C-alpha atoms as a PDB file:
ATOM      1  CA  MET A   1     170.581 179.699 -68.668  1.00  0.00           C
ATOM      2  CA  SER A   2     168.377 182.746 -68.230  1.00  0.00           C
ATOM      3  CA  ARG A   3     165.209 183.076 -70.298  1.00  0.00           C
ATOM      4  CA  GLY A   4     165.456 186.863 -70.664  1.00  0.00           C
ATOM      5  CA  PRO A   5     167.464 189.868 -69.645  1.00  0.00           C
ATOM      6  CA  GLY A   6     168.308 190.051 -65.980  1.00  0.00           C
ATOM      7  CA  ARG A   7     167.743 192.921 -63.597  1.00  0.00           C
ATOM      8  CA  ILE A   8     170.974 194.707 -64.471  1.00  0.00           C
ATOM      9  CA  GLU A   9     170.438 194.249 -68.217  1.00  0.00           C
ATOM     10  CA  GLN A  10     166.891 195.593 -67.958  1.00  0.00           C
ATOM     11  CA  GLU A  11     168.007 198.639 -66.001  1.00  0.00           C
ATOM     12  CA  VAL A  12     170.936 199.321 -68.341  1.00  0.00           C
ATOM     13  CA  LEU A  13     168.688 199.041 -71.389  1.00  0.00           C
ATOM     14  CA  ALA A  14     166.099 201.393 -69.858  1.00  0.00           C
ATOM     15  CA  LEU A  15     168.806 203.939 -68.980  1.00  0.00           C
ATOM     16  CA  LEU A  16     170.434 203.785 -72.424  1.00  0.00           C
ATOM     17  CA  ARG A  17     167.078 204.360 -74.118  1.00  0.00           C
ATOM     18  CA  GLU A  18     166.905 207.684 -72.265  1.00  0.00           C
ATOM     19  CA  GLY A  19     170.339 209.007 -73.224  1.00  0.00           C
ATOM     20  CA  SER A  20     174.088 208.497 -73.599  1.00  0.00           C
ATOM     21  CA  LEU A  21     175.867 207.362 -70.444  1.00  0.00           C
ATOM     22  CA  ARG A  22     179.318 206.224 -69.384  1.00  0.00           C
ATOM     23  CA  VAL A  23     179.842 202.875 -67.638  1.00  0.00           C
ATOM     24  CA  ARG A  24     180.486 204.602 -64.301  1.00  0.00           C
ATOM     25  CA  ASP A  25     177.218 206.574 -64.716  1.00  0.00           C
ATOM     26  CA  LEU A  26     175.361 203.326 -65.404  1.00  0.00           C
ATOM     27  CA  CYS A  27     176.961 201.820 -62.281  1.00  0.00           C
ATOM     28  CA  TRP A  28     175.730 204.695 -60.176  1.00  0.00           C
ATOM     29  CA  PHE A  29     172.151 204.502 -61.440  1.00  0.00           C
ATOM     30  CA  VAL A  30     171.979 200.701 -61.193  1.00  0.00           C
ATOM     31  CA  TYR A  31     173.758 200.137 -57.865  1.00  0.00           C
ATOM     32  CA  HIS A  32     173.144 203.299 -55.836  1.00  0.00           C
ATOM     33  CA  GLU A  33     169.994 204.921 -54.649  1.00  0.00           C
ATOM     34  CA  VAL A  34     169.766 208.223 -56.470  1.00  0.00           C
ATOM     35  CA  SER A  35     168.382 210.827 -54.134  1.00  0.00           C
ATOM     36  CA  ASP A  36     169.432 214.454 -54.081  1.00  0.00           C
ATOM     37  CA  GLN A  37     172.917 213.814 -55.467  1.00  0.00           C
ATOM     38  CA  THR A  38     173.875 214.702 -59.008  1.00  0.00           C
ATOM     39  CA  PRO A  39     176.674 213.168 -61.106  1.00  0.00           C
ATOM     40  CA  GLU A  40     178.893 216.167 -60.266  1.00  0.00           C
ATOM     41  CA  THR A  41     178.552 215.565 -56.514  1.00  0.00           C
ATOM     42  CA  TRP A  42     178.901 211.778 -56.414  1.00  0.00           C
ATOM     43  CA  LYS A  43     181.092 210.866 -53.513  1.00  0.00           C
ATOM     44  CA  LEU A  44     180.978 207.098 -53.897  1.00  0.00           C
ATOM     45  CA  GLY A  45     182.694 205.499 -56.848  1.00  0.00           C
ATOM     46  CA  SER A  46     181.834 202.208 -58.443  1.00  0.00           C
ATOM     47  CA  THR A  47     183.807 199.077 -57.707  1.00  0.00           C
ATOM     48  CA  PRO A  48     185.657 197.123 -60.394  1.00  0.00           C
ATOM     49  CA  ALA A  49     183.137 194.284 -59.937  1.00  0.00           C
ATOM     50  CA  GLN A  50     180.223 196.645 -60.593  1.00  0.00           C
ATOM     51  CA  ARG A  51     181.887 198.077 -63.709  1.00  0.00           C
ATOM     52  CA  ALA A  52     182.542 194.541 -64.939  1.00  0.00           C
ATOM     53  CA  ALA A  53     178.905 193.569 -64.368  1.00  0.00           C
ATOM     54  CA  ILE A  54     177.697 196.602 -66.332  1.00  0.00           C
ATOM     55  CA  SER A  55     180.150 195.820 -69.170  1.00  0.00           C
ATOM     56  CA  ARG A  56     178.907 192.204 -69.238  1.00  0.00           C
ATOM     57  CA  ALA A  57     175.301 193.416 -69.335  1.00  0.00           C
ATOM     58  CA  ILE A  58     176.084 195.702 -72.293  1.00  0.00           C
ATOM     59  CA  ALA A  59     177.885 192.874 -74.122  1.00  0.00           C
ATOM     60  CA  SER A  60     174.976 190.523 -73.432  1.00  0.00           C
ATOM     61  CA  LEU A  61     172.444 193.031 -74.725  1.00  0.00           C
ATOM     62  CA  ARG A  62     174.489 193.539 -77.886  1.00  0.00           C
ATOM     63  CA  ARG A  63     174.643 189.758 -78.430  1.00  0.00           C
ATOM     64  CA  ARG A  64     170.856 189.610 -78.055  1.00  0.00           C
ATOM     65  CA  GLY A  65     170.559 192.107 -80.904  1.00  0.00           C
ATOM     66  CA  GLU A  66     169.926 195.350 -79.048  1.00  0.00           C
ATOM     67  CA  PRO A  67     171.276 198.211 -81.181  1.00  0.00           C
ATOM     68  CA  LEU A  68     173.633 199.703 -78.587  1.00  0.00           C
ATOM     69  CA  ILE A  69     176.226 202.107 -79.905  1.00  0.00           C
ATOM     70  CA  ARG A  70     179.607 202.795 -78.348  1.00  0.00           C
ATOM     71  CA  GLU A  71     181.104 206.200 -79.060  1.00  0.00           C
ATOM     72  CA  ARG A  72     183.893 208.388 -77.795  1.00  0.00           C
ATOM     73  CA  TYR A  73     183.203 211.984 -76.946  1.00  0.00           C
ATOM     74  CA  GLU A  74     185.761 214.327 -75.374  1.00  0.00           C
ATOM     75  CA  GLY A  75     187.991 211.437 -74.304  1.00  0.00           C
ATOM     76  CA  GLU A  76     185.197 209.458 -72.628  1.00  0.00           C
ATOM     77  CA  THR A  77     183.436 206.309 -73.840  1.00  0.00           C
ATOM     78  CA  TYR A  78     179.665 206.566 -73.922  1.00  0.00           C
ATOM     79  CA  PHE A  79     177.010 204.009 -74.699  1.00  0.00           C
ATOM     80  CA  ARG A  80     173.596 204.818 -76.110  1.00  0.00           C
ATOM     81  CA  HIS A  81     170.684 203.051 -77.725  1.00  0.00           C
ATOM     82  CA  SER A  82     170.450 203.614 -81.483  1.00  0.00           C
ATOM     83  CA  THR A  83     167.154 205.450 -80.998  1.00  0.00           C
ATOM     84  CA  VAL A  84     168.986 208.131 -78.977  1.00  0.00           C
ATOM     85  CA  PRO A  85     170.797 210.694 -81.143  1.00  0.00           C
ATOM     86  CA  SER A  86     174.524 211.139 -80.608  1.00  0.00           C
ATOM     87  CA  ALA A  87     175.976 214.358 -79.264  1.00  0.00           C
ATOM     88  CA  ALA A  88     177.126 215.398 -82.741  1.00  0.00           C
ATOM     89  CA  GLU A  89     173.649 214.666 -84.152  1.00  0.00           C
ATOM     90  CA  ARG A  90     172.031 216.716 -81.388  1.00  0.00           C
ATOM     91  CA  VAL A  91     174.322 219.686 -82.096  1.00  0.00           C
ATOM     92  CA  ALA A  92     173.692 219.418 -85.854  1.00  0.00           C
ATOM     93  CA  ARG A  93     169.928 219.203 -85.275  1.00  0.00           C
ATOM     94  CA  TYR A  94     170.043 222.261 -83.017  1.00  0.00           C
ATOM     95  CA  PHE A  95     171.765 224.379 -85.668  1.00  0.00           C
ATOM     96  CA  LYS A  96     169.490 223.040 -88.403  1.00  0.00           C
ATOM     97  CA  ASP A  97     166.439 223.920 -86.302  1.00  0.00           C
ATOM     98  CA  GLU A  98     167.928 227.345 -85.579  1.00  0.00           C
ATOM     99  CA  GLU A  99     168.417 227.990 -89.315  1.00  0.00           C
ATOM    100  CA  ARG A 100     164.843 226.882 -89.977  1.00  0.00           C
ATOM    101  CA  ARG A 101     163.535 229.248 -87.295  1.00  0.00           C
ATOM    102  CA  ALA A 102     165.569 232.124 -88.780  1.00  0.00           C
ATOM    103  CA  ARG A 103     164.103 231.432 -92.242  1.00  0.00           C
ATOM    104  CA  ARG A 104     160.592 231.370 -90.771  1.00  0.00           C
ATOM    105  CA  ARG A 105     161.182 234.686 -88.997  1.00  0.00           C
ATOM    106  CA  GLN A 106     162.466 236.188 -92.258  1.00  0.00           C
ATOM    107  CA  LYS A 107     159.450 234.941 -94.240  1.00  0.00           C
ATOM    108  CA  ARG A 108     157.058 236.196 -91.561  1.00  0.00           C
ATOM    109  CA  ALA A 109     158.698 239.635 -91.660  1.00  0.00           C
ATOM    110  CA  GLU A 110     158.429 239.698 -95.462  1.00  0.00           C
ATOM    111  CA  ARG A 111     154.735 238.723 -95.279  1.00  0.00           C
ATOM    112  CA  GLU A 112     154.045 241.432 -92.718  1.00  0.00           C
ATOM    113  CA  ALA A 113     155.859 243.978 -94.877  1.00  0.00           C
ATOM    114  CA  ARG A 114     153.717 243.011 -97.877  1.00  0.00           C
ATOM    115  CA  LYS A 115     150.517 243.203 -95.811  1.00  0.00           C
ATOM    116  CA  ALA A 116     151.321 246.601 -94.324  1.00  0.00           C
ATOM    117  CA  PRO A 117     149.988 249.559 -96.309  1.00  0.00           C
ATOM    118  CA  ALA A 118     152.390 252.050 -97.843  1.00  0.00           C
ATOM    119  CA  HIS A 119     151.582 254.418 -94.995  1.00  0.00           C
ATOM    120  CA  LYS A 120     150.348 253.501 -91.555  1.00  0.00           C
ATOM    121  CA  HIS A 121     147.317 255.780 -91.570  1.00  0.00           C
ATOM    122  CA  ARG A 122     143.862 255.030 -92.924  1.00  0.00           C
ATOM    123  CA  ALA A 123     142.964 256.929 -96.077  1.00  0.00           C
ATOM    124  CA  VAL A 124     140.388 259.716 -95.875  1.00  0.00           C
ATOM    125  CA  VAL A 125     137.372 258.634 -97.928  1.00  0.00           C
ATOM    126  CA  ALA A 126     134.545 260.785 -99.299  1.00  0.00           C
ATOM    127  CA  ALA A 127     132.248 259.972 -96.341  1.00  0.00           C
ATOM    128  CA  ASP A 128     134.932 261.187 -93.927  1.00  0.00           C
ATOM    129  CA  ARG A 129     135.311 264.435 -95.905  1.00  0.00           C
ATOM    130  CA  GLU A 130     131.541 265.067 -95.813  1.00  0.00           C
ATOM    131  CA  ARG A 131     131.359 264.440 -92.069  1.00  0.00           C
ATOM    132  CA  LEU A 132     134.393 266.652 -91.477  1.00  0.00           C
ATOM    133  CA  ALA A 133     132.753 269.454 -93.494  1.00  0.00           C
ATOM    134  CA  LYS A 134     129.580 269.208 -91.364  1.00  0.00           C
ATOM    135  CA  LEU A 135     131.558 269.214 -88.129  1.00  0.00           C
ATOM    136  CA  LEU A 136     133.622 272.208 -89.237  1.00  0.00           C
ATOM    137  CA  GLY A 137     130.380 274.018 -90.002  1.00  0.00           C
ATOM    138  CA  MET A 138     129.197 273.311 -86.453  1.00  0.00           C
ATOM    139  CA  LEU A 139     132.257 275.126 -85.069  1.00  0.00           C
ATOM    140  CA  GLY A 140     130.564 278.403 -86.081  1.00  0.00           C
ATOM    141  CA  SER A 141     127.505 277.687 -83.945  1.00  0.00           C
ATOM    142  CA  GLU A 142     126.247 280.195 -81.390  1.00  0.00           C
ATOM    143  CA  HIS A 143     125.960 277.444 -78.737  1.00  0.00           C
ATOM    144  CA  GLN A 144     129.100 276.669 -76.744  1.00  0.00           C
ATOM    145  CA  GLY A 145     128.133 272.998 -76.115  1.00  0.00           C
ATOM    146  CA  GLU A 146     127.574 272.395 -79.824  1.00  0.00           C
ATOM    147  CA  ARG A 147     130.964 273.908 -80.664  1.00  0.00           C
ATOM    148  CA  ASP A 148     132.675 271.773 -77.974  1.00  0.00           C
ATOM    149  CA  ALA A 149     130.941 268.594 -79.153  1.00  0.00           C
ATOM    150  CA  ALA A 150     131.942 269.333 -82.759  1.00  0.00           C
ATOM    151  CA  ALA A 151     135.575 269.905 -81.712  1.00  0.00           C
ATOM    152  CA  ARG A 152     135.608 266.601 -79.756  1.00  0.00           C
ATOM    153  CA  GLN A 153     134.123 264.739 -82.748  1.00  0.00           C
ATOM    154  CA  ILE A 154     136.719 266.260 -85.115  1.00  0.00           C
ATOM    155  CA  GLU A 155     139.566 265.234 -82.776  1.00  0.00           C
ATOM    156  CA  MET A 156     138.158 261.678 -82.428  1.00  0.00           C
ATOM    157  CA  MET A 157     137.974 261.494 -86.229  1.00  0.00           C
ATOM    158  CA  ARG A 158     141.642 262.522 -86.505  1.00  0.00           C
ATOM    159  CA  GLN A 159     142.672 259.903 -83.949  1.00  0.00           C
ATOM    160  CA  LYS A 160     140.677 257.217 -85.775  1.00  0.00           C
ATOM    161  CA  LEU A 161     142.317 258.129 -89.093  1.00  0.00           C
ATOM    162  CA  GLY A 162     145.740 258.181 -87.436  1.00  0.00           C
ATOM    163  CA  GLY A 163     148.619 260.605 -87.682  1.00  0.00           C
ATOM    164  CA  ASN A 164     148.439 264.375 -87.423  1.00  0.00           C
ATOM    165  CA  TRP A 165     146.334 266.891 -89.360  1.00  0.00           C
ATOM    166  CA  GLN A 166     148.897 267.165 -92.185  1.00  0.00           C
ATOM    167  CA  ASP A 167     148.692 263.376 -92.697  1.00  0.00           C
ATOM    168  CA  VAL A 168     144.883 263.382 -92.534  1.00  0.00           C
ATOM    169  CA  LEU A 169     144.521 266.254 -94.982  1.00  0.00           C
ATOM    170  CA  GLY A 170     147.212 264.827 -97.273  1.00  0.00           C
ATOM    171  CA  ARG A 171     149.522 267.825 -97.053  1.00  0.00           C
ATOM    172  CA  ARG A 172     152.694 265.728 -96.738  1.00  0.00           C
END
């Protein structure tokens, strides 16, 4: 009598802890060297003796108390460890997560809407009005460079406040 799980049982248990698999998939992973082939391109099948050995290993693991679950999905029988969610659980979790993400996006949009000011431009304060008055006075200067500098400063002020001159002066 064996003192613990054998090689096949150990490999089956390790594979079932990773995901749901059919008996023929377990046969492939246990008995064949997996290289660049995928389950869709498997050319070699498993023998009846190999499938029987895998079935015995699953039965032995269940007798030892391993929580292995047998389920049918789309006409196929799959085995999985109880720590691995079933296909239906994975689909339900996906949609639940998707609903949660949609609620988060909605709340974030509501927060941003509350944070945003009524208009997107900064309000003109008294200090801005005083500076604008000084700069407008400089536009009447006799010196061309002073007039150009004043015009550039006025335009930079408008850009900093945002919008066009009607928005800045509060005409709209």
